Amino acid sequence: MASLLLLHTKLAAFLFSLSLLLSSALDAGVKVVCEQLTPERCAFAVSSTSRRCVLENTHCAGRPTAYQCRTSEVVVEDERLAGMVETDRCVRACGVDRATVGISSDSLLDPRVAGAICSTACLQGCPNIINLYSNLAAGEGIAFSELCEVHLANPRRAMAQLQSSGEAHPMHFDAAAPSPAAPASGSS
């Protein structure tokens, strides 16, 4: 009886592995075109041509705002990310929102978003989102790894440094230094 249960367990594991393999093989053959993605799947997707997809809104007088997925000019250098539509698991783990319009580093100023992006689950399991935010941080002159290191040690200091960086330069922090005064309420 025990050997039958063991055989059944091994067969189930094999079938599960086979289904994952077939699923990824089928997905690998799918061409991702940003303009063909629904607005709900657009943000954090990368086209098959390695360009980031962006959600854009269109305003027409008297009509509700409509959202469309477009191909941006932002090229993803990591070819492993080409053709990727971000998973719901990573969207949750990294604390990002699929309704994000455009691409901006502003969300790095939100301590909750920065905390989620710097979480172990996001850092170790979501290379597409990490690639995006690493490049956004670099565009602000900040090393993403340092941002996460400081954020985990002292979120207020990290956000204050990011907000005050007028020039593009890497952030260097002394974790033992006292944190600057918290920004006035109402500024995010």
N, C-alpha and C. Protein backbone atom coordinates (compact mmCIF):
# COMPACT_ATOMS: atom_id res chain seq x y z
N MET A 1 0.82 -1.19 0.00
CA MET A 1 0.00 0.00 0.00
C MET A 1 0.87 1.26 0.00
N ALA A 2 1.95 1.24 0.81
CA ALA A 2 2.84 2.40 0.89
C ALA A 2 3.55 2.62 -0.44
N SER A 3 3.94 1.52 -1.12
CA SER A 3 4.63 1.66 -2.39
C SER A 3 3.68 2.23 -3.46
N LEU A 4 2.40 1.89 -3.39
CA LEU A 4 1.42 2.43 -4.31
C LEU A 4 1.25 3.93 -4.09
N LEU A 5 1.23 4.36 -2.85
CA LEU A 5 1.11 5.78 -2.52
C LEU A 5 2.35 6.53 -2.99
N LEU A 6 3.52 5.95 -2.81
CA LEU A 6 4.78 6.56 -3.26
C LEU A 6 4.78 6.69 -4.79
N LEU A 7 4.33 5.66 -5.48
CA LEU A 7 4.26 5.69 -6.94
C LEU A 7 3.29 6.78 -7.39
N HIS A 8 2.16 6.87 -6.74
CA HIS A 8 1.16 7.89 -7.07
C HIS A 8 1.74 9.29 -6.86
N THR A 9 2.46 9.50 -5.78
CA THR A 9 3.07 10.80 -5.48
C THR A 9 4.12 11.16 -6.52
N LYS A 10 4.95 10.18 -6.91
CA LYS A 10 5.98 10.43 -7.93
C LYS A 10 5.34 10.74 -9.28
N LEU A 11 4.27 10.03 -9.62
CA LEU A 11 3.57 10.27 -10.88
C LEU A 11 2.96 11.67 -10.88
N ALA A 12 2.36 12.06 -9.78
CA ALA A 12 1.76 13.40 -9.68
C ALA A 12 2.84 14.47 -9.83
N ALA A 13 3.98 14.29 -9.19
CA ALA A 13 5.09 15.25 -9.30
C ALA A 13 5.60 15.31 -10.72
N PHE A 14 5.71 14.16 -11.38
CA PHE A 14 6.17 14.13 -12.76
C PHE A 14 5.20 14.86 -13.68
N LEU A 15 3.91 14.61 -13.51
CA LEU A 15 2.90 15.27 -14.35
C LEU A 15 2.89 16.77 -14.12
N PHE A 16 3.05 17.19 -12.87
CA PHE A 16 3.11 18.61 -12.56
C PHE A 16 4.32 19.25 -13.23
N SER A 17 5.48 18.61 -13.14
CA SER A 17 6.70 19.13 -13.77
C SER A 17 6.54 19.20 -15.28
N LEU A 18 5.93 18.18 -15.85
CA LEU A 18 5.70 18.15 -17.29
C LEU A 18 4.77 19.29 -17.71
N SER A 19 3.73 19.56 -16.93
CA SER A 19 2.80 20.64 -17.27
C SER A 19 3.51 21.99 -17.20
N LEU A 20 4.40 22.19 -16.23
CA LEU A 20 5.16 23.44 -16.15
C LEU A 20 6.08 23.59 -17.34
N LEU A 21 6.73 22.51 -17.72
CA LEU A 21 7.63 22.54 -18.86
C LEU A 21 6.88 22.88 -20.15
N LEU A 22 5.75 22.23 -20.36
CA LEU A 22 4.96 22.49 -21.56
C LEU A 22 4.41 23.91 -21.55
N SER A 23 3.97 24.38 -20.40
CA SER A 23 3.44 25.73 -20.27
C SER A 23 4.50 26.77 -20.62
N SER A 24 5.72 26.60 -20.09
CA SER A 24 6.77 27.56 -20.39
C SER A 24 7.21 27.46 -21.85
N ALA A 25 7.18 26.27 -22.42
CA ALA A 25 7.54 26.11 -23.83
C ALA A 25 6.52 26.81 -24.71
N LEU A 26 5.25 26.69 -24.37
CA LEU A 26 4.21 27.36 -25.15
C LEU A 26 4.31 28.86 -25.00
N ASP A 27 4.55 29.34 -23.76
CA ASP A 27 4.68 30.77 -23.52
C ASP A 27 5.88 31.35 -24.26
N ALA A 28 6.95 30.58 -24.39
CA ALA A 28 8.16 31.06 -25.04
C ALA A 28 7.90 31.36 -26.51
N GLY A 29 6.95 30.68 -27.11
CA GLY A 29 6.65 30.89 -28.52
C GLY A 29 5.68 32.03 -28.77
N VAL A 30 5.11 32.61 -27.71
CA VAL A 30 4.14 33.68 -27.86
C VAL A 30 4.88 35.00 -28.06
N LYS A 31 4.48 35.74 -29.06
CA LYS A 31 5.09 37.04 -29.33
C LYS A 31 4.31 38.09 -28.55
N VAL A 32 5.02 38.86 -27.73
CA VAL A 32 4.38 39.91 -26.94
C VAL A 32 4.50 41.24 -27.68
N VAL A 33 3.35 41.79 -28.04
CA VAL A 33 3.27 43.10 -28.68
C VAL A 33 2.48 43.99 -27.73
N CYS A 34 3.10 45.06 -27.27
CA CYS A 34 2.48 45.91 -26.26
C CYS A 34 1.08 46.35 -26.66
N GLU A 35 0.91 46.79 -27.90
CA GLU A 35 -0.38 47.31 -28.35
C GLU A 35 -1.48 46.24 -28.35
N GLN A 36 -1.10 44.97 -28.25
CA GLN A 36 -2.08 43.89 -28.21
C GLN A 36 -2.42 43.45 -26.78
N LEU A 37 -1.72 44.01 -25.79
CA LEU A 37 -2.00 43.67 -24.40
C LEU A 37 -3.18 44.49 -23.88
N THR A 38 -3.96 43.88 -23.02
CA THR A 38 -5.04 44.62 -22.37
C THR A 38 -4.43 45.58 -21.36
N PRO A 39 -5.14 46.65 -21.03
CA PRO A 39 -4.62 47.58 -20.02
C PRO A 39 -4.30 46.89 -18.69
N GLU A 40 -5.01 45.83 -18.37
CA GLU A 40 -4.79 45.11 -17.11
C GLU A 40 -3.49 44.29 -17.11
N ARG A 41 -2.90 44.04 -18.26
CA ARG A 41 -1.67 43.24 -18.34
C ARG A 41 -0.48 44.06 -18.84
N CYS A 42 -0.68 45.33 -19.12
CA CYS A 42 0.32 46.15 -19.78
C CYS A 42 1.50 46.54 -18.89
N ALA A 43 1.20 47.19 -17.76
CA ALA A 43 2.28 47.71 -16.92
C ALA A 43 3.19 46.57 -16.49
N PHE A 44 4.48 46.81 -16.55
CA PHE A 44 5.53 45.86 -16.16
C PHE A 44 5.69 44.71 -17.16
N ALA A 45 5.21 44.90 -18.38
CA ALA A 45 5.42 43.92 -19.43
C ALA A 45 6.57 44.40 -20.31
N VAL A 46 7.21 43.45 -20.99
CA VAL A 46 8.30 43.74 -21.92
C VAL A 46 7.94 43.07 -23.24
N SER A 47 8.01 43.82 -24.32
CA SER A 47 7.67 43.25 -25.62
C SER A 47 8.72 42.24 -26.06
N SER A 48 8.39 41.50 -27.08
CA SER A 48 9.33 40.53 -27.64
C SER A 48 10.54 41.22 -28.26
N THR A 49 10.41 42.51 -28.56
CA THR A 49 11.53 43.28 -29.11
C THR A 49 12.32 43.99 -28.00
N SER A 50 12.09 43.59 -26.74
CA SER A 50 12.81 44.10 -25.57
C SER A 50 12.53 45.56 -25.23
N ARG A 51 11.37 46.04 -25.61
CA ARG A 51 10.97 47.40 -25.21
C ARG A 51 9.89 47.29 -24.14
N ARG A 52 9.97 48.16 -23.15
CA ARG A 52 8.99 48.14 -22.08
C ARG A 52 7.64 48.63 -22.59
N CYS A 53 6.60 47.99 -22.10
CA CYS A 53 5.24 48.41 -22.40
C CYS A 53 4.81 49.44 -21.36
N VAL A 54 4.07 50.46 -21.78
CA VAL A 54 3.58 51.48 -20.85
C VAL A 54 2.09 51.67 -21.05
N LEU A 55 1.43 51.89 -19.94
CA LEU A 55 0.00 52.18 -19.96
C LEU A 55 -0.15 53.68 -20.13
N GLU A 56 -0.92 54.09 -21.12
CA GLU A 56 -1.17 55.51 -21.36
C GLU A 56 -2.65 55.77 -21.27
N ASN A 57 -3.00 56.98 -20.83
CA ASN A 57 -4.41 57.34 -20.80
C ASN A 57 -4.69 58.37 -21.87
N THR A 58 -5.89 58.30 -22.42
CA THR A 58 -6.32 59.26 -23.43
C THR A 58 -7.50 60.02 -22.88
N HIS A 59 -7.47 61.31 -23.05
CA HIS A 59 -8.55 62.17 -22.55
C HIS A 59 -9.31 62.74 -23.75
N CYS A 60 -10.58 62.53 -23.75
CA CYS A 60 -11.44 63.14 -24.76
C CYS A 60 -12.54 63.89 -24.01
N ALA A 61 -12.81 65.11 -24.41
CA ALA A 61 -13.82 65.92 -23.72
C ALA A 61 -15.15 65.18 -23.68
N GLY A 62 -15.71 65.07 -22.49
CA GLY A 62 -17.01 64.45 -22.33
C GLY A 62 -17.00 62.93 -22.30
N ARG A 63 -15.83 62.32 -22.48
CA ARG A 63 -15.75 60.86 -22.46
C ARG A 63 -14.90 60.42 -21.27
N PRO A 64 -15.17 59.23 -20.76
CA PRO A 64 -14.32 58.73 -19.67
C PRO A 64 -12.90 58.45 -20.19
N THR A 65 -11.96 58.51 -19.28
CA THR A 65 -10.57 58.23 -19.65
C THR A 65 -10.45 56.80 -20.14
N ALA A 66 -9.76 56.64 -21.25
CA ALA A 66 -9.50 55.31 -21.79
C ALA A 66 -8.02 55.01 -21.65
N TYR A 67 -7.69 53.77 -21.39
CA TYR A 67 -6.30 53.37 -21.23
C TYR A 67 -5.90 52.46 -22.37
N GLN A 68 -4.68 52.68 -22.87
CA GLN A 68 -4.15 51.87 -23.96
C GLN A 68 -2.72 51.48 -23.63
N CYS A 69 -2.33 50.31 -24.10
CA CYS A 69 -0.97 49.84 -23.92
C CYS A 69 -0.16 50.24 -25.14
N ARG A 70 1.00 50.83 -24.89
CA ARG A 70 1.88 51.29 -25.97
C ARG A 70 3.29 50.77 -25.75
N THR A 71 4.06 50.73 -26.82
CA THR A 71 5.47 50.36 -26.73
C THR A 71 6.26 51.62 -26.44
N SER A 72 7.09 51.58 -25.39
CA SER A 72 7.91 52.74 -25.04
C SER A 72 9.24 52.68 -25.80
N GLU A 73 10.03 53.70 -25.62
CA GLU A 73 11.37 53.75 -26.20
C GLU A 73 12.40 53.11 -25.28
N VAL A 74 11.96 52.72 -24.07
CA VAL A 74 12.87 52.15 -23.08
C VAL A 74 13.19 50.70 -23.46
N VAL A 75 14.47 50.44 -23.71
CA VAL A 75 14.93 49.12 -24.12
C VAL A 75 15.46 48.38 -22.89
N VAL A 76 15.04 47.14 -22.73
CA VAL A 76 15.53 46.29 -21.65
C VAL A 76 16.75 45.56 -22.18
N GLU A 77 17.88 45.77 -21.52
CA GLU A 77 19.14 45.17 -21.97
C GLU A 77 19.22 43.67 -21.69
N ASP A 78 18.53 43.20 -20.67
CA ASP A 78 18.57 41.79 -20.30
C ASP A 78 17.65 41.00 -21.23
N GLU A 79 18.24 40.28 -22.18
CA GLU A 79 17.44 39.58 -23.20
C GLU A 79 16.54 38.49 -22.62
N ARG A 80 16.83 38.03 -21.40
CA ARG A 80 15.97 37.02 -20.78
C ARG A 80 14.59 37.58 -20.44
N LEU A 81 14.47 38.90 -20.38
CA LEU A 81 13.20 39.53 -20.02
C LEU A 81 12.33 39.84 -21.24
N ALA A 82 12.87 39.69 -22.44
CA ALA A 82 12.11 39.96 -23.66
C ALA A 82 10.88 39.05 -23.72
N GLY A 83 9.74 39.65 -24.04
CA GLY A 83 8.51 38.88 -24.17
C GLY A 83 7.86 38.52 -22.84
N MET A 84 8.20 39.24 -21.78
CA MET A 84 7.68 38.90 -20.46
C MET A 84 6.49 39.78 -20.08
N VAL A 85 5.42 39.15 -19.66
CA VAL A 85 4.30 39.84 -19.05
C VAL A 85 4.38 39.49 -17.57
N GLU A 86 4.54 40.50 -16.73
CA GLU A 86 4.79 40.25 -15.31
C GLU A 86 3.67 39.44 -14.67
N THR A 87 4.05 38.58 -13.75
CA THR A 87 3.08 37.72 -13.07
C THR A 87 2.36 38.48 -11.96
N ASP A 88 1.17 38.03 -11.63
CA ASP A 88 0.42 38.62 -10.51
C ASP A 88 1.18 38.42 -9.20
N ARG A 89 1.88 37.30 -9.08
CA ARG A 89 2.66 37.02 -7.86
C ARG A 89 3.71 38.10 -7.66
N CYS A 90 4.42 38.47 -8.71
CA CYS A 90 5.45 39.50 -8.60
C CYS A 90 4.85 40.89 -8.37
N VAL A 91 3.73 41.17 -9.00
CA VAL A 91 3.07 42.46 -8.77
C VAL A 91 2.73 42.60 -7.29
N ARG A 92 2.21 41.53 -6.69
CA ARG A 92 1.89 41.56 -5.25
C ARG A 92 3.15 41.61 -4.40
N ALA A 93 4.13 40.77 -4.71
CA ALA A 93 5.36 40.70 -3.90
C ALA A 93 6.11 42.02 -3.92
N CYS A 94 6.10 42.72 -5.04
CA CYS A 94 6.86 43.96 -5.17
C CYS A 94 6.03 45.21 -4.85
N GLY A 95 4.77 45.01 -4.52
CA GLY A 95 3.93 46.13 -4.11
C GLY A 95 3.68 47.17 -5.18
N VAL A 96 3.70 46.75 -6.44
CA VAL A 96 3.46 47.68 -7.54
C VAL A 96 2.01 47.56 -8.00
N ASP A 97 1.59 48.49 -8.83
CA ASP A 97 0.21 48.57 -9.26
C ASP A 97 0.14 48.46 -10.77
N ARG A 98 -0.66 47.53 -11.25
CA ARG A 98 -0.81 47.36 -12.71
C ARG A 98 -1.49 48.56 -13.36
N ALA A 99 -2.13 49.40 -12.58
CA ALA A 99 -2.79 50.59 -13.14
C ALA A 99 -1.81 51.76 -13.26
N THR A 100 -0.52 51.50 -13.13
CA THR A 100 0.50 52.54 -13.23
C THR A 100 0.56 53.06 -14.67
N VAL A 101 0.42 54.37 -14.81
CA VAL A 101 0.47 55.01 -16.12
C VAL A 101 1.88 55.53 -16.33
N GLY A 102 2.51 55.14 -17.43
CA GLY A 102 3.86 55.59 -17.74
C GLY A 102 4.91 54.88 -16.91
N ILE A 103 6.14 55.40 -16.99
CA ILE A 103 7.27 54.85 -16.23
C ILE A 103 7.90 56.02 -15.48
N SER A 104 7.98 55.91 -14.16
CA SER A 104 8.51 57.01 -13.36
C SER A 104 9.21 56.48 -12.11
N SER A 105 10.20 57.24 -11.67
CA SER A 105 10.90 56.89 -10.43
C SER A 105 10.17 57.42 -9.21
N ASP A 106 9.07 58.15 -9.40
CA ASP A 106 8.34 58.74 -8.28
C ASP A 106 7.92 57.72 -7.22
N SER A 107 7.60 56.51 -7.65
CA SER A 107 7.15 55.50 -6.69
C SER A 107 8.26 55.10 -5.72
N LEU A 108 9.53 55.35 -6.08
CA LEU A 108 10.62 55.07 -5.16
C LEU A 108 10.56 55.97 -3.93
N LEU A 109 9.82 57.08 -4.02
CA LEU A 109 9.67 57.99 -2.88
C LEU A 109 8.66 57.47 -1.86
N ASP A 110 7.83 56.53 -2.26
CA ASP A 110 6.84 55.95 -1.35
C ASP A 110 7.51 54.85 -0.54
N PRO A 111 7.65 55.03 0.78
CA PRO A 111 8.35 54.04 1.60
C PRO A 111 7.72 52.65 1.52
N ARG A 112 6.40 52.58 1.35
CA ARG A 112 5.75 51.26 1.26
C ARG A 112 6.16 50.55 -0.02
N VAL A 113 6.18 51.28 -1.13
CA VAL A 113 6.57 50.68 -2.40
C VAL A 113 8.05 50.30 -2.36
N ALA A 114 8.88 51.22 -1.89
CA ALA A 114 10.32 50.93 -1.81
C ALA A 114 10.57 49.73 -0.91
N GLY A 115 9.83 49.65 0.20
CA GLY A 115 10.00 48.51 1.10
C GLY A 115 9.62 47.20 0.44
N ALA A 116 8.54 47.21 -0.33
CA ALA A 116 8.10 45.99 -1.01
C ALA A 116 9.07 45.61 -2.13
N ILE A 117 9.55 46.60 -2.88
CA ILE A 117 10.49 46.32 -3.96
C ILE A 117 11.80 45.78 -3.41
N CYS A 118 12.17 46.25 -2.22
CA CYS A 118 13.42 45.80 -1.60
C CYS A 118 13.23 44.54 -0.75
N SER A 119 12.02 43.97 -0.76
CA SER A 119 11.77 42.75 0.01
C SER A 119 12.48 41.56 -0.62
N THR A 120 12.75 40.57 0.18
CA THR A 120 13.42 39.37 -0.31
C THR A 120 12.62 38.70 -1.43
N ALA A 121 11.30 38.63 -1.26
CA ALA A 121 10.46 37.98 -2.27
C ALA A 121 10.58 38.67 -3.63
N CYS A 122 10.61 39.99 -3.62
CA CYS A 122 10.72 40.73 -4.87
C CYS A 122 12.14 40.64 -5.43
N LEU A 123 13.13 40.89 -4.59
CA LEU A 123 14.52 40.88 -5.04
C LEU A 123 14.95 39.55 -5.62
N GLN A 124 14.49 38.46 -5.02
CA GLN A 124 14.94 37.14 -5.45
C GLN A 124 14.04 36.48 -6.48
N GLY A 125 12.81 36.97 -6.64
CA GLY A 125 11.91 36.25 -7.53
C GLY A 125 11.33 37.04 -8.69
N CYS A 126 11.66 38.33 -8.79
CA CYS A 126 11.02 39.16 -9.80
C CYS A 126 12.03 40.01 -10.56
N PRO A 127 12.85 39.39 -11.40
CA PRO A 127 13.94 40.12 -12.07
C PRO A 127 13.47 41.24 -12.98
N ASN A 128 12.30 41.14 -13.56
CA ASN A 128 11.80 42.18 -14.45
C ASN A 128 11.55 43.47 -13.68
N ILE A 129 10.85 43.37 -12.57
CA ILE A 129 10.54 44.56 -11.76
C ILE A 129 11.82 45.13 -11.16
N ILE A 130 12.72 44.27 -10.71
CA ILE A 130 13.99 44.73 -10.15
C ILE A 130 14.80 45.44 -11.23
N ASN A 131 14.82 44.91 -12.44
CA ASN A 131 15.52 45.55 -13.55
C ASN A 131 14.96 46.94 -13.81
N LEU A 132 13.64 47.06 -13.84
CA LEU A 132 13.00 48.35 -14.09
C LEU A 132 13.38 49.36 -13.01
N TYR A 133 13.20 48.99 -11.75
CA TYR A 133 13.46 49.94 -10.66
C TYR A 133 14.95 50.21 -10.47
N SER A 134 15.80 49.27 -10.80
CA SER A 134 17.24 49.52 -10.76
C SER A 134 17.60 50.60 -11.78
N ASN A 135 17.02 50.50 -12.97
CA ASN A 135 17.29 51.49 -14.01
C ASN A 135 16.68 52.85 -13.67
N LEU A 136 15.49 52.84 -13.06
CA LEU A 136 14.89 54.11 -12.64
C LEU A 136 15.74 54.79 -11.57
N ALA A 137 16.23 54.00 -10.61
CA ALA A 137 17.10 54.55 -9.57
C ALA A 137 18.39 55.08 -10.18
N ALA A 138 18.97 54.33 -11.11
CA ALA A 138 20.20 54.77 -11.77
C ALA A 138 19.98 56.08 -12.51
N GLY A 139 18.80 56.24 -13.10
CA GLY A 139 18.47 57.49 -13.78
C GLY A 139 18.44 58.68 -12.83
N GLU A 140 18.20 58.39 -11.56
CA GLU A 140 18.22 59.43 -10.52
C GLU A 140 19.60 59.55 -9.89
N GLY A 141 20.55 58.75 -10.39
CA GLY A 141 21.91 58.80 -9.86
C GLY A 141 22.08 58.01 -8.58
N ILE A 142 21.25 57.01 -8.38
CA ILE A 142 21.25 56.24 -7.14
C ILE A 142 21.50 54.77 -7.45
N ALA A 143 22.36 54.14 -6.68
CA ALA A 143 22.56 52.70 -6.82
C ALA A 143 21.40 51.99 -6.12
N PHE A 144 20.67 51.17 -6.86
CA PHE A 144 19.49 50.50 -6.31
C PHE A 144 19.84 49.65 -5.09
N SER A 145 20.95 48.95 -5.15
CA SER A 145 21.33 48.09 -4.02
C SER A 145 21.56 48.93 -2.76
N GLU A 146 22.14 50.12 -2.92
CA GLU A 146 22.34 51.01 -1.77
C GLU A 146 21.01 51.55 -1.26
N LEU A 147 20.11 51.88 -2.19
CA LEU A 147 18.79 52.36 -1.79
C LEU A 147 18.10 51.31 -0.92
N CYS A 148 18.13 50.06 -1.36
CA CYS A 148 17.49 48.99 -0.58
C CYS A 148 18.20 48.79 0.76
N GLU A 149 19.51 48.81 0.75
CA GLU A 149 20.27 48.61 1.98
C GLU A 149 19.91 49.69 3.00
N VAL A 150 19.88 50.93 2.56
CA VAL A 150 19.57 52.03 3.47
C VAL A 150 18.09 52.01 3.83
N HIS A 151 17.24 51.69 2.87
CA HIS A 151 15.80 51.65 3.16
C HIS A 151 15.50 50.62 4.26
N LEU A 152 16.14 49.48 4.17
CA LEU A 152 15.90 48.45 5.17
C LEU A 152 16.42 48.88 6.54
N ALA A 153 17.51 49.66 6.57
CA ALA A 153 18.07 50.12 7.84
C ALA A 153 17.33 51.34 8.38
N ASN A 154 16.94 52.27 7.50
CA ASN A 154 16.34 53.52 7.95
C ASN A 154 15.52 54.12 6.81
N PRO A 155 14.24 53.73 6.66
CA PRO A 155 13.42 54.18 5.53
C PRO A 155 13.31 55.70 5.41
N ARG A 156 13.19 56.41 6.53
CA ARG A 156 13.05 57.87 6.45
C ARG A 156 14.30 58.52 5.86
N ARG A 157 15.44 58.04 6.28
CA ARG A 157 16.70 58.60 5.77
C ARG A 157 16.81 58.33 4.27
N ALA A 158 16.47 57.14 3.84
CA ALA A 158 16.56 56.80 2.42
C ALA A 158 15.65 57.70 1.60
N MET A 159 14.43 57.91 2.05
CA MET A 159 13.49 58.73 1.31
C MET A 159 13.92 60.19 1.31
N ALA A 160 14.43 60.68 2.44
CA ALA A 160 14.90 62.06 2.51
C ALA A 160 16.07 62.28 1.56
N GLN A 161 16.99 61.33 1.51
CA GLN A 161 18.14 61.45 0.62
C GLN A 161 17.68 61.42 -0.84
N LEU A 162 16.73 60.56 -1.15
CA LEU A 162 16.24 60.47 -2.53
C LEU A 162 15.54 61.76 -2.93
N GLN A 163 14.73 62.31 -2.03
CA GLN A 163 14.01 63.54 -2.34
C GLN A 163 14.94 64.72 -2.48
N SER A 164 16.04 64.74 -1.74
CA SER A 164 16.93 65.89 -1.78
C SER A 164 18.00 65.79 -2.85
N SER A 165 18.07 64.69 -3.56
CA SER A 165 19.13 64.55 -4.56
C SER A 165 18.78 65.39 -5.78
N GLY A 166 19.35 66.57 -5.84
CA GLY A 166 19.11 67.46 -6.96
C GLY A 166 19.97 67.07 -8.14
N GLU A 167 21.19 66.67 -7.86
CA GLU A 167 22.09 66.24 -8.92
C GLU A 167 22.13 64.73 -8.96
N ALA A 168 22.46 64.19 -10.09
CA ALA A 168 22.58 62.74 -10.19
C ALA A 168 23.92 62.33 -9.58
N HIS A 169 23.86 61.66 -8.46
CA HIS A 169 25.06 61.13 -7.82
C HIS A 169 24.68 59.95 -6.95
N PRO A 170 25.57 59.01 -6.79
CA PRO A 170 25.25 57.84 -5.98
C PRO A 170 25.03 58.23 -4.53
N MET A 171 24.11 57.53 -3.87
CA MET A 171 23.87 57.79 -2.46
C MET A 171 24.86 56.98 -1.65
N HIS A 172 25.47 57.63 -0.69
CA HIS A 172 26.35 56.94 0.26
C HIS A 172 25.88 57.33 1.64
N PHE A 173 25.59 56.36 2.45
CA PHE A 173 25.04 56.62 3.76
C PHE A 173 25.89 56.02 4.84
N ASP A 174 25.84 56.66 5.97
CA ASP A 174 26.41 56.09 7.18
C ASP A 174 25.21 55.64 8.00
N ALA A 175 24.99 54.34 8.07
CA ALA A 175 23.81 53.80 8.74
C ALA A 175 23.75 54.23 10.20
N ALA A 176 24.89 54.57 10.80
CA ALA A 176 24.90 54.97 12.21
C ALA A 176 24.55 56.44 12.37
N ALA A 177 24.58 57.22 11.28
CA ALA A 177 24.30 58.65 11.38
C ALA A 177 22.83 58.87 11.70
N PRO A 178 22.53 59.93 12.45
CA PRO A 178 21.12 60.20 12.77
C PRO A 178 20.36 60.54 11.49
N SER A 179 19.09 60.18 11.46
CA SER A 179 18.30 60.46 10.27
C SER A 179 17.86 61.90 10.27
N PRO A 180 17.71 62.51 9.09
CA PRO A 180 17.26 63.88 9.02
C PRO A 180 15.81 63.97 9.46
N ALA A 181 15.36 65.17 9.72
CA ALA A 181 13.97 65.37 10.16
C ALA A 181 13.04 64.84 9.09
N ALA A 182 11.93 64.30 9.54
CA ALA A 182 10.95 63.74 8.59
C ALA A 182 10.37 64.87 7.77
N PRO A 183 10.06 64.63 6.49
CA PRO A 183 9.46 65.66 5.67
C PRO A 183 8.10 66.05 6.21
N ALA A 184 7.69 67.26 5.92
CA ALA A 184 6.40 67.76 6.41
C ALA A 184 5.29 66.87 5.88
N SER A 185 4.23 66.74 6.67
CA SER A 185 3.12 65.89 6.23
C SER A 185 2.47 66.53 5.02
N GLY A 186 1.95 65.68 4.15
CA GLY A 186 1.33 66.14 2.93
C GLY A 186 2.25 65.99 1.74
N SER A 187 3.54 65.87 1.98
CA SER A 187 4.46 65.62 0.85
C SER A 187 4.75 64.14 0.79
N SER A 188 4.61 63.59 -0.40
CA SER A 188 4.83 62.15 -0.54
C SER A 188 5.93 61.89 -1.48
